[in-house]
Amino acid sequence: MWIMFAYSGWNASTYIGSEIRNPSKNIPLSLLIGTGTVIVLYFLLNVLFIYAVTPENMSGVISVGGLAMGSLFGRSVETVFSLLISFALFSSLSAFIILGPRVYYSMAKDGYFFRFVSDVNPTHNVPAKAILLQSGISIVMVLSGTFDQILTYMGFSLGIFPILAVLGVFRLPKMHGGSLKITGSSMLHVIYSITGVFILTLAFFERPLESSIALLTVLAGVPAFFLFKKNHRSKVATQS
């Protein structure tokens, strides 16, 4: 599940599709390049870890990268490499600050979230209130558990939606009246979905507390969505 979390940003460029030049070309390209780069880096890192550390010594260790560097070059390099990994995690915050609030903004703009979240700062032209909302949620999460608990919670939560997105591909032709044709083998969608469900099931039995909280969080969004949808339709009907 943590490996799935490492790949969880493969679809993130679609969140800012309305702000990308030539999106029909650049969005698929960004997805392929981004995912391909992560695959190569992840593969090389695992080769390094297996070469430097035995599986027995990896057991129970969160910073395997630091352990591998310490095994190869000594304790001082282990500390430096662990710090570099921490800075790499911090550097991803900029991407989350840019991308995450755009989701809240779009939901609010379409009427499926609180309307104030769709407000755009007139000076900087950014969804300022959506950014503040994400900051508040992030603070609560950081204070609510340890690093591996939060990572497990996020990994399980983010593992659900790609499966739903891939299964949603089968609905697209019906939603477009049969005019949309899906290219490629549908077996790839089925294999991906089954594999994802299998991983999440194993993760649930391995970490039931964090997985249950993540599952309840996602399920809580279902009635919230329909409530916002009902209110939105009522407002549209009133205005018309």
C-alpha atoms as a PDB file:
ATOM      1  CA  MET A   1       0.000   0.000   0.000  1.00  0.00           C
ATOM      2  CA  TRP A   2       2.899   2.374   0.716  1.00  0.00           C
ATOM      3  CA  ILE A   3       4.210   1.517  -2.766  1.00  0.00           C
ATOM      4  CA  MET A   4       0.839   2.515  -4.207  1.00  0.00           C
ATOM      5  CA  PHE A   5       1.156   5.767  -2.260  1.00  0.00           C
ATOM      6  CA  ALA A   6       4.479   6.416  -4.027  1.00  0.00           C
ATOM      7  CA  TYR A   7       2.620   6.308  -7.355  1.00  0.00           C
ATOM      8  CA  SER A   8      -0.478   8.146  -6.131  1.00  0.00           C
ATOM      9  CA  GLY A   9       0.374  11.427  -7.881  1.00  0.00           C
ATOM     10  CA  TRP A  10       0.305   9.967 -11.402  1.00  0.00           C
ATOM     11  CA  ASN A  11      -3.083  11.584 -12.117  1.00  0.00           C
ATOM     12  CA  ALA A  12      -2.467  14.922 -10.384  1.00  0.00           C
ATOM     13  CA  SER A  13      -1.839  16.993 -13.512  1.00  0.00           C
ATOM     14  CA  THR A  14      -5.477  16.448 -14.528  1.00  0.00           C
ATOM     15  CA  TYR A  15      -6.515  18.568 -11.524  1.00  0.00           C
ATOM     16  CA  ILE A  16      -5.157  21.674 -13.230  1.00  0.00           C
ATOM     17  CA  GLY A  17      -6.227  20.720 -16.746  1.00  0.00           C
ATOM     18  CA  SER A  18      -8.004  24.043 -17.273  1.00  0.00           C
ATOM     19  CA  GLU A  19      -4.709  25.872 -16.610  1.00  0.00           C
ATOM     20  CA  ILE A  20      -2.525  23.769 -18.930  1.00  0.00           C
ATOM     21  CA  ARG A  21      -1.664  24.852 -22.470  1.00  0.00           C
ATOM     22  CA  ASN A  22      -2.658  22.356 -25.164  1.00  0.00           C
ATOM     23  CA  PRO A  23      -4.141  19.944 -22.570  1.00  0.00           C
ATOM     24  CA  SER A  24      -5.076  17.220 -25.083  1.00  0.00           C
ATOM     25  CA  LYS A  25      -1.367  16.725 -25.759  1.00  0.00           C
ATOM     26  CA  ASN A  26       0.392  17.841 -22.579  1.00  0.00           C
ATOM     27  CA  ILE A  27      -1.801  16.100 -19.973  1.00  0.00           C
ATOM     28  CA  PRO A  28      -1.292  12.545 -21.373  1.00  0.00           C
ATOM     29  CA  LEU A  29       2.390  13.353 -21.888  1.00  0.00           C
ATOM     30  CA  SER A  30       2.768  14.519 -18.299  1.00  0.00           C
ATOM     31  CA  LEU A  31       1.052  11.373 -17.014  1.00  0.00           C
ATOM     32  CA  LEU A  32       3.339   9.097 -19.016  1.00  0.00           C
ATOM     33  CA  ILE A  33       6.565  10.973 -18.194  1.00  0.00           C
ATOM     34  CA  GLY A  34       5.705  11.367 -14.518  1.00  0.00           C
ATOM     35  CA  THR A  35       4.712   7.738 -14.007  1.00  0.00           C
ATOM     36  CA  GLY A  36       7.672   6.478 -16.066  1.00  0.00           C
ATOM     37  CA  THR A  37      10.127   8.552 -14.045  1.00  0.00           C
ATOM     38  CA  VAL A  38       8.722   7.248 -10.759  1.00  0.00           C
ATOM     39  CA  ILE A  39       8.927   3.641 -12.020  1.00  0.00           C
ATOM     40  CA  VAL A  40      12.603   4.030 -12.954  1.00  0.00           C
ATOM     41  CA  LEU A  41      13.537   5.796  -9.707  1.00  0.00           C
ATOM     42  CA  TYR A  42      11.595   3.330  -7.570  1.00  0.00           C
ATOM     43  CA  PHE A  43      13.191   0.358  -9.319  1.00  0.00           C
ATOM     44  CA  LEU A  44      16.711   1.746  -8.917  1.00  0.00           C
ATOM     45  CA  LEU A  45      16.118   2.567  -5.250  1.00  0.00           C
ATOM     46  CA  ASN A  46      14.902  -0.962  -4.550  1.00  0.00           C
ATOM     47  CA  VAL A  47      17.941  -2.420  -6.306  1.00  0.00           C
ATOM     48  CA  LEU A  48      20.120  -0.268  -4.040  1.00  0.00           C
ATOM     49  CA  PHE A  49      18.206  -1.287  -0.903  1.00  0.00           C
ATOM     50  CA  ILE A  50      18.396  -5.012  -1.705  1.00  0.00           C
ATOM     51  CA  TYR A  51      22.114  -4.709  -2.497  1.00  0.00           C
ATOM     52  CA  ALA A  52      22.932  -2.811   0.701  1.00  0.00           C
ATOM     53  CA  VAL A  53      20.597  -4.331   3.319  1.00  0.00           C
ATOM     54  CA  THR A  54      19.249  -7.814   3.932  1.00  0.00           C
ATOM     55  CA  PRO A  55      15.454  -8.212   4.211  1.00  0.00           C
ATOM     56  CA  GLU A  56      15.847  -9.248   7.855  1.00  0.00           C
ATOM     57  CA  ASN A  57      17.545  -5.962   8.740  1.00  0.00           C
ATOM     58  CA  MET A  58      14.835  -3.961   6.910  1.00  0.00           C
ATOM     59  CA  SER A  59      12.095  -5.367   9.154  1.00  0.00           C
ATOM     60  CA  GLY A  60      10.500  -2.655  11.265  1.00  0.00           C
ATOM     61  CA  VAL A  61      12.673   0.120   9.791  1.00  0.00           C
ATOM     62  CA  ILE A  62      10.889   3.142   8.273  1.00  0.00           C
ATOM     63  CA  SER A  63      13.956   4.931   6.872  1.00  0.00           C
ATOM     64  CA  VAL A  64      15.294   2.040   4.785  1.00  0.00           C
ATOM     65  CA  GLY A  65      17.116   4.524   2.543  1.00  0.00           C
ATOM     66  CA  GLY A  66      19.118   5.872   5.467  1.00  0.00           C
ATOM     67  CA  LEU A  67      19.864   2.348   6.659  1.00  0.00           C
ATOM     68  CA  ALA A  68      21.129   1.377   3.193  1.00  0.00           C
ATOM     69  CA  MET A  69      23.410   4.421   2.975  1.00  0.00           C
ATOM     70  CA  GLY A  70      24.723   3.734   6.479  1.00  0.00           C
ATOM     71  CA  SER A  71      25.483   0.142   5.545  1.00  0.00           C
ATOM     72  CA  LEU A  72      27.398   1.243   2.449  1.00  0.00           C
ATOM     73  CA  PHE A  73      29.129   4.433   3.584  1.00  0.00           C
ATOM     74  CA  GLY A  74      28.858   4.706   7.367  1.00  0.00           C
ATOM     75  CA  ARG A  75      26.660   6.331   9.989  1.00  0.00           C
ATOM     76  CA  SER A  76      27.445   9.919   9.021  1.00  0.00           C
ATOM     77  CA  VAL A  77      26.193   9.363   5.458  1.00  0.00           C
ATOM     78  CA  GLU A  78      23.100   7.620   6.867  1.00  0.00           C
ATOM     79  CA  THR A  79      22.158  10.787   8.768  1.00  0.00           C
ATOM     80  CA  VAL A  80      22.767  13.016   5.749  1.00  0.00           C
ATOM     81  CA  PHE A  81      20.725  10.759   3.448  1.00  0.00           C
ATOM     82  CA  SER A  82      17.847  10.581   5.956  1.00  0.00           C
ATOM     83  CA  LEU A  83      17.810  14.382   6.043  1.00  0.00           C
ATOM     84  CA  LEU A  84      17.774  14.492   2.227  1.00  0.00           C
ATOM     85  CA  ILE A  85      14.771  12.141   2.190  1.00  0.00           C
ATOM     86  CA  SER A  86      13.012  14.413   4.698  1.00  0.00           C
ATOM     87  CA  PHE A  87      13.690  17.458   2.511  1.00  0.00           C
ATOM     88  CA  ALA A  88      12.404  15.527  -0.510  1.00  0.00           C
ATOM     89  CA  LEU A  89       9.163  14.867   1.354  1.00  0.00           C
ATOM     90  CA  PHE A  90       8.909  18.537   2.309  1.00  0.00           C
ATOM     91  CA  SER A  91       9.519  19.583  -1.300  1.00  0.00           C
ATOM     92  CA  SER A  92       6.395  17.700  -2.360  1.00  0.00           C
ATOM     93  CA  LEU A  93       4.370  20.176  -0.287  1.00  0.00           C
ATOM     94  CA  SER A  94       4.598  22.733  -3.089  1.00  0.00           C
ATOM     95  CA  ALA A  95       2.845  20.332  -5.464  1.00  0.00           C
ATOM     96  CA  PHE A  96       0.144  19.570  -2.900  1.00  0.00           C
ATOM     97  CA  ILE A  97      -0.403  23.282  -2.229  1.00  0.00           C
ATOM     98  CA  ILE A  98      -0.882  23.882  -5.954  1.00  0.00           C
ATOM     99  CA  LEU A  99      -2.958  20.815  -6.817  1.00  0.00           C
ATOM    100  CA  GLY A 100      -5.042  19.928  -3.753  1.00  0.00           C
ATOM    101  CA  PRO A 101      -6.950  23.213  -3.367  1.00  0.00           C
ATOM    102  CA  ARG A 102      -7.863  23.090  -7.063  1.00  0.00           C
ATOM    103  CA  VAL A 103      -9.964  20.011  -6.287  1.00  0.00           C
ATOM    104  CA  TYR A 104     -11.853  21.807  -3.500  1.00  0.00           C
ATOM    105  CA  TYR A 105     -12.205  24.854  -5.742  1.00  0.00           C
ATOM    106  CA  SER A 106     -13.675  22.842  -8.626  1.00  0.00           C
ATOM    107  CA  MET A 107     -16.048  20.959  -6.315  1.00  0.00           C
ATOM    108  CA  ALA A 108     -17.297  24.228  -4.818  1.00  0.00           C
ATOM    109  CA  LYS A 109     -17.590  25.904  -8.223  1.00  0.00           C
ATOM    110  CA  ASP A 110     -19.713  23.018  -9.514  1.00  0.00           C
ATOM    111  CA  GLY A 111     -21.943  23.222  -6.427  1.00  0.00           C
ATOM    112  CA  TYR A 112     -20.738  20.067  -4.673  1.00  0.00           C
ATOM    113  CA  PHE A 113     -18.924  21.759  -1.788  1.00  0.00           C
ATOM    114  CA  PHE A 114     -19.167  24.901   0.329  1.00  0.00           C
ATOM    115  CA  ARG A 115     -19.541  27.907  -1.976  1.00  0.00           C
ATOM    116  CA  PHE A 116     -16.982  30.089  -0.176  1.00  0.00           C
ATOM    117  CA  VAL A 117     -14.208  27.637  -1.144  1.00  0.00           C
ATOM    118  CA  SER A 118     -14.598  28.706  -4.786  1.00  0.00           C
ATOM    119  CA  ASP A 119     -13.565  32.292  -4.011  1.00  0.00           C
ATOM    120  CA  VAL A 120     -10.457  33.455  -5.885  1.00  0.00           C
ATOM    121  CA  ASN A 121      -8.053  36.017  -4.458  1.00  0.00           C
ATOM    122  CA  PRO A 122      -8.378  39.118  -6.709  1.00  0.00           C
ATOM    123  CA  THR A 123      -4.713  40.093  -6.307  1.00  0.00           C
ATOM    124  CA  HIS A 124      -2.927  36.767  -6.756  1.00  0.00           C
ATOM    125  CA  ASN A 125      -5.675  34.968  -8.736  1.00  0.00           C
ATOM    126  CA  VAL A 126      -5.462  31.784  -6.623  1.00  0.00           C
ATOM    127  CA  PRO A 127      -8.155  29.900  -4.621  1.00  0.00           C
ATOM    128  CA  ALA A 128      -6.944  31.357  -1.316  1.00  0.00           C
ATOM    129  CA  LYS A 129      -9.747  29.992   0.871  1.00  0.00           C
ATOM    130  CA  ALA A 130      -9.299  26.505  -0.576  1.00  0.00           C
ATOM    131  CA  ILE A 131      -5.589  26.699   0.309  1.00  0.00           C
ATOM    132  CA  LEU A 132      -6.444  27.785   3.877  1.00  0.00           C
ATOM    133  CA  LEU A 133      -8.920  24.899   4.157  1.00  0.00           C
ATOM    134  CA  GLN A 134      -6.290  22.397   3.083  1.00  0.00           C
ATOM    135  CA  SER A 135      -3.821  23.919   5.552  1.00  0.00           C
ATOM    136  CA  GLY A 136      -6.302  23.417   8.395  1.00  0.00           C
ATOM    137  CA  ILE A 137      -6.976  19.802   7.403  1.00  0.00           C
ATOM    138  CA  SER A 138      -3.232  19.149   7.148  1.00  0.00           C
ATOM    139  CA  ILE A 139      -2.577  20.564  10.626  1.00  0.00           C
ATOM    140  CA  VAL A 140      -5.266  18.346  12.130  1.00  0.00           C
ATOM    141  CA  MET A 141      -3.830  15.281  10.394  1.00  0.00           C
ATOM    142  CA  VAL A 142      -0.239  16.008  11.464  1.00  0.00           C
ATOM    143  CA  LEU A 143      -1.346  16.329  15.092  1.00  0.00           C
ATOM    144  CA  SER A 144      -3.512  13.200  14.987  1.00  0.00           C
ATOM    145  CA  GLY A 145      -0.927  10.446  14.657  1.00  0.00           C
ATOM    146  CA  THR A 146       2.595   9.260  13.940  1.00  0.00           C
ATOM    147  CA  PHE A 147       4.271   9.494  10.530  1.00  0.00           C
ATOM    148  CA  ASP A 148       3.615   5.869   9.571  1.00  0.00           C
ATOM    149  CA  GLN A 149      -0.006   6.065  10.817  1.00  0.00           C
ATOM    150  CA  ILE A 150      -0.687   9.123   8.667  1.00  0.00           C
ATOM    151  CA  LEU A 151       1.084   7.516   5.705  1.00  0.00           C
ATOM    152  CA  THR A 152      -0.984   4.352   6.115  1.00  0.00           C
ATOM    153  CA  TYR A 153      -4.201   6.364   6.399  1.00  0.00           C
ATOM    154  CA  MET A 154      -3.364   8.409   3.311  1.00  0.00           C
ATOM    155  CA  GLY A 155      -2.146   5.364   1.385  1.00  0.00           C
ATOM    156  CA  PHE A 156      -5.370   3.467   2.029  1.00  0.00           C
ATOM    157  CA  SER A 157      -7.557   6.493   1.219  1.00  0.00           C
ATOM    158  CA  LEU A 158      -5.700   7.292  -1.981  1.00  0.00           C
ATOM    159  CA  GLY A 159      -5.683   3.622  -2.948  1.00  0.00           C
ATOM    160  CA  ILE A 160      -9.482   3.583  -3.193  1.00  0.00           C
ATOM    161  CA  PHE A 161     -10.015   6.388  -5.697  1.00  0.00           C
ATOM    162  CA  PRO A 162      -7.749   5.191  -8.530  1.00  0.00           C
ATOM    163  CA  ILE A 163      -9.692   1.920  -8.493  1.00  0.00           C
ATOM    164  CA  LEU A 164     -12.976   3.824  -8.726  1.00  0.00           C
ATOM    165  CA  ALA A 165     -11.535   6.021 -11.492  1.00  0.00           C
ATOM    166  CA  VAL A 166     -10.427   3.009 -13.544  1.00  0.00           C
ATOM    167  CA  LEU A 167     -13.794   1.264 -13.055  1.00  0.00           C
ATOM    168  CA  GLY A 168     -15.456   4.509 -14.087  1.00  0.00           C
ATOM    169  CA  VAL A 169     -13.961   4.090 -17.555  1.00  0.00           C
ATOM    170  CA  PHE A 170     -16.577   1.406 -18.249  1.00  0.00           C
ATOM    171  CA  ARG A 171     -19.339   3.979 -17.637  1.00  0.00           C
ATOM    172  CA  LEU A 172     -17.968   6.635 -19.976  1.00  0.00           C
ATOM    173  CA  PRO A 173     -19.485   5.244 -23.216  1.00  0.00           C
ATOM    174  CA  LYS A 174     -22.937   5.088 -21.565  1.00  0.00           C
ATOM    175  CA  MET A 175     -22.606   8.631 -20.216  1.00  0.00           C
ATOM    176  CA  HIS A 176     -21.787   9.902 -23.718  1.00  0.00           C
ATOM    177  CA  GLY A 177     -24.593   7.992 -25.424  1.00  0.00           C
ATOM    178  CA  GLY A 178     -22.253   5.467 -26.998  1.00  0.00           C
ATOM    179  CA  SER A 179     -20.373   8.115 -28.985  1.00  0.00           C
ATOM    180  CA  LEU A 180     -17.194   7.671 -26.927  1.00  0.00           C
ATOM    181  CA  LYS A 181     -15.031   4.661 -27.719  1.00  0.00           C
ATOM    182  CA  ILE A 182     -12.473   3.358 -25.205  1.00  0.00           C
ATOM    183  CA  THR A 183      -9.287   2.161 -26.885  1.00  0.00           C
ATOM    184  CA  GLY A 184      -7.064  -0.578 -25.502  1.00  0.00           C
ATOM    185  CA  SER A 185      -7.804  -3.813 -23.700  1.00  0.00           C
ATOM    186  CA  SER A 186     -10.453  -3.690 -20.958  1.00  0.00           C
ATOM    187  CA  MET A 187      -8.582  -6.533 -19.243  1.00  0.00           C
ATOM    188  CA  LEU A 188      -5.957  -4.016 -18.118  1.00  0.00           C
ATOM    189  CA  HIS A 189      -8.655  -2.130 -16.211  1.00  0.00           C
ATOM    190  CA  VAL A 190      -9.919  -5.343 -14.644  1.00  0.00           C
ATOM    191  CA  ILE A 191      -6.419  -6.535 -13.649  1.00  0.00           C
ATOM    192  CA  TYR A 192      -5.565  -3.148 -12.132  1.00  0.00           C
ATOM    193  CA  SER A 193      -8.819  -3.009 -10.162  1.00  0.00           C
ATOM    194  CA  ILE A 194      -8.537  -6.559  -8.826  1.00  0.00           C
ATOM    195  CA  THR A 195      -4.899  -6.004  -7.826  1.00  0.00           C
ATOM    196  CA  GLY A 196      -5.780  -2.744  -6.075  1.00  0.00           C
ATOM    197  CA  VAL A 197      -8.644  -4.326  -4.127  1.00  0.00           C
ATOM    198  CA  PHE A 198      -6.396  -7.239  -3.141  1.00  0.00           C
ATOM    199  CA  ILE A 199      -3.691  -4.876  -1.811  1.00  0.00           C
ATOM    200  CA  LEU A 200      -6.220  -2.811   0.152  1.00  0.00           C
ATOM    201  CA  THR A 201      -7.736  -5.973   1.634  1.00  0.00           C
ATOM    202  CA  LEU A 202      -4.344  -7.167   2.849  1.00  0.00           C
ATOM    203  CA  ALA A 203      -3.593  -3.681   4.168  1.00  0.00           C
ATOM    204  CA  PHE A 204      -6.861  -3.663   6.096  1.00  0.00           C
ATOM    205  CA  PHE A 205      -5.961  -6.864   7.937  1.00  0.00           C
ATOM    206  CA  GLU A 206      -2.401  -5.633   8.543  1.00  0.00           C
ATOM    207  CA  ARG A 207      -3.369  -2.152   9.818  1.00  0.00           C
ATOM    208  CA  PRO A 208      -7.097  -2.338  10.694  1.00  0.00           C
ATOM    209  CA  LEU A 209      -7.289   0.877  12.767  1.00  0.00           C
ATOM    210  CA  GLU A 210      -5.822   3.290  10.204  1.00  0.00           C
ATOM    211  CA  SER A 211      -7.562   1.490   7.326  1.00  0.00           C
ATOM    212  CA  SER A 212     -10.946   1.625   9.072  1.00  0.00           C
ATOM    213  CA  ILE A 213     -10.602   5.370   9.715  1.00  0.00           C
ATOM    214  CA  ALA A 214      -9.667   5.903   6.069  1.00  0.00           C
ATOM    215  CA  LEU A 215     -12.609   3.806   4.887  1.00  0.00           C
ATOM    216  CA  LEU A 216     -15.046   5.664   7.160  1.00  0.00           C
ATOM    217  CA  THR A 217     -13.693   8.990   5.898  1.00  0.00           C
ATOM    218  CA  VAL A 218     -14.356   7.993   2.295  1.00  0.00           C
ATOM    219  CA  LEU A 219     -17.811   6.596   3.103  1.00  0.00           C
ATOM    220  CA  ALA A 220     -18.708   9.809   4.956  1.00  0.00           C
ATOM    221  CA  GLY A 221     -18.167  11.647   1.690  1.00  0.00           C
ATOM    222  CA  VAL A 222     -20.982   9.715  -0.028  1.00  0.00           C
ATOM    223  CA  PRO A 223     -23.950  11.216   1.881  1.00  0.00           C
ATOM    224  CA  ALA A 224     -22.159  14.587   1.904  1.00  0.00           C
ATOM    225  CA  PHE A 225     -21.949  14.489  -1.912  1.00  0.00           C
ATOM    226  CA  PHE A 226     -25.636  13.740  -2.345  1.00  0.00           C
ATOM    227  CA  LEU A 227     -26.547  16.438   0.176  1.00  0.00           C
ATOM    228  CA  PHE A 228     -24.533  19.058  -1.705  1.00  0.00           C
ATOM    229  CA  LYS A 229     -25.959  17.754  -4.986  1.00  0.00           C
ATOM    230  CA  LYS A 230     -29.534  18.107  -3.708  1.00  0.00           C
ATOM    231  CA  ASN A 231     -28.904  21.638  -2.445  1.00  0.00           C
ATOM    232  CA  HIS A 232     -27.236  22.598  -5.723  1.00  0.00           C
ATOM    233  CA  ARG A 233     -30.172  21.353  -7.799  1.00  0.00           C
ATOM    234  CA  SER A 234     -32.588  23.214  -5.523  1.00  0.00           C
ATOM    235  CA  LYS A 235     -30.672  26.476  -6.022  1.00  0.00           C
ATOM    236  CA  VAL A 236     -30.537  25.981  -9.796  1.00  0.00           C
ATOM    237  CA  ALA A 237     -34.275  25.253  -9.912  1.00  0.00           C
ATOM    238  CA  THR A 238     -35.010  28.348  -7.799  1.00  0.00           C
ATOM    239  CA  GLN A 239     -32.864  30.588 -10.012  1.00  0.00           C
ATOM    240  CA  SER A 240     -34.445  29.250 -13.215  1.00  0.00           C
END
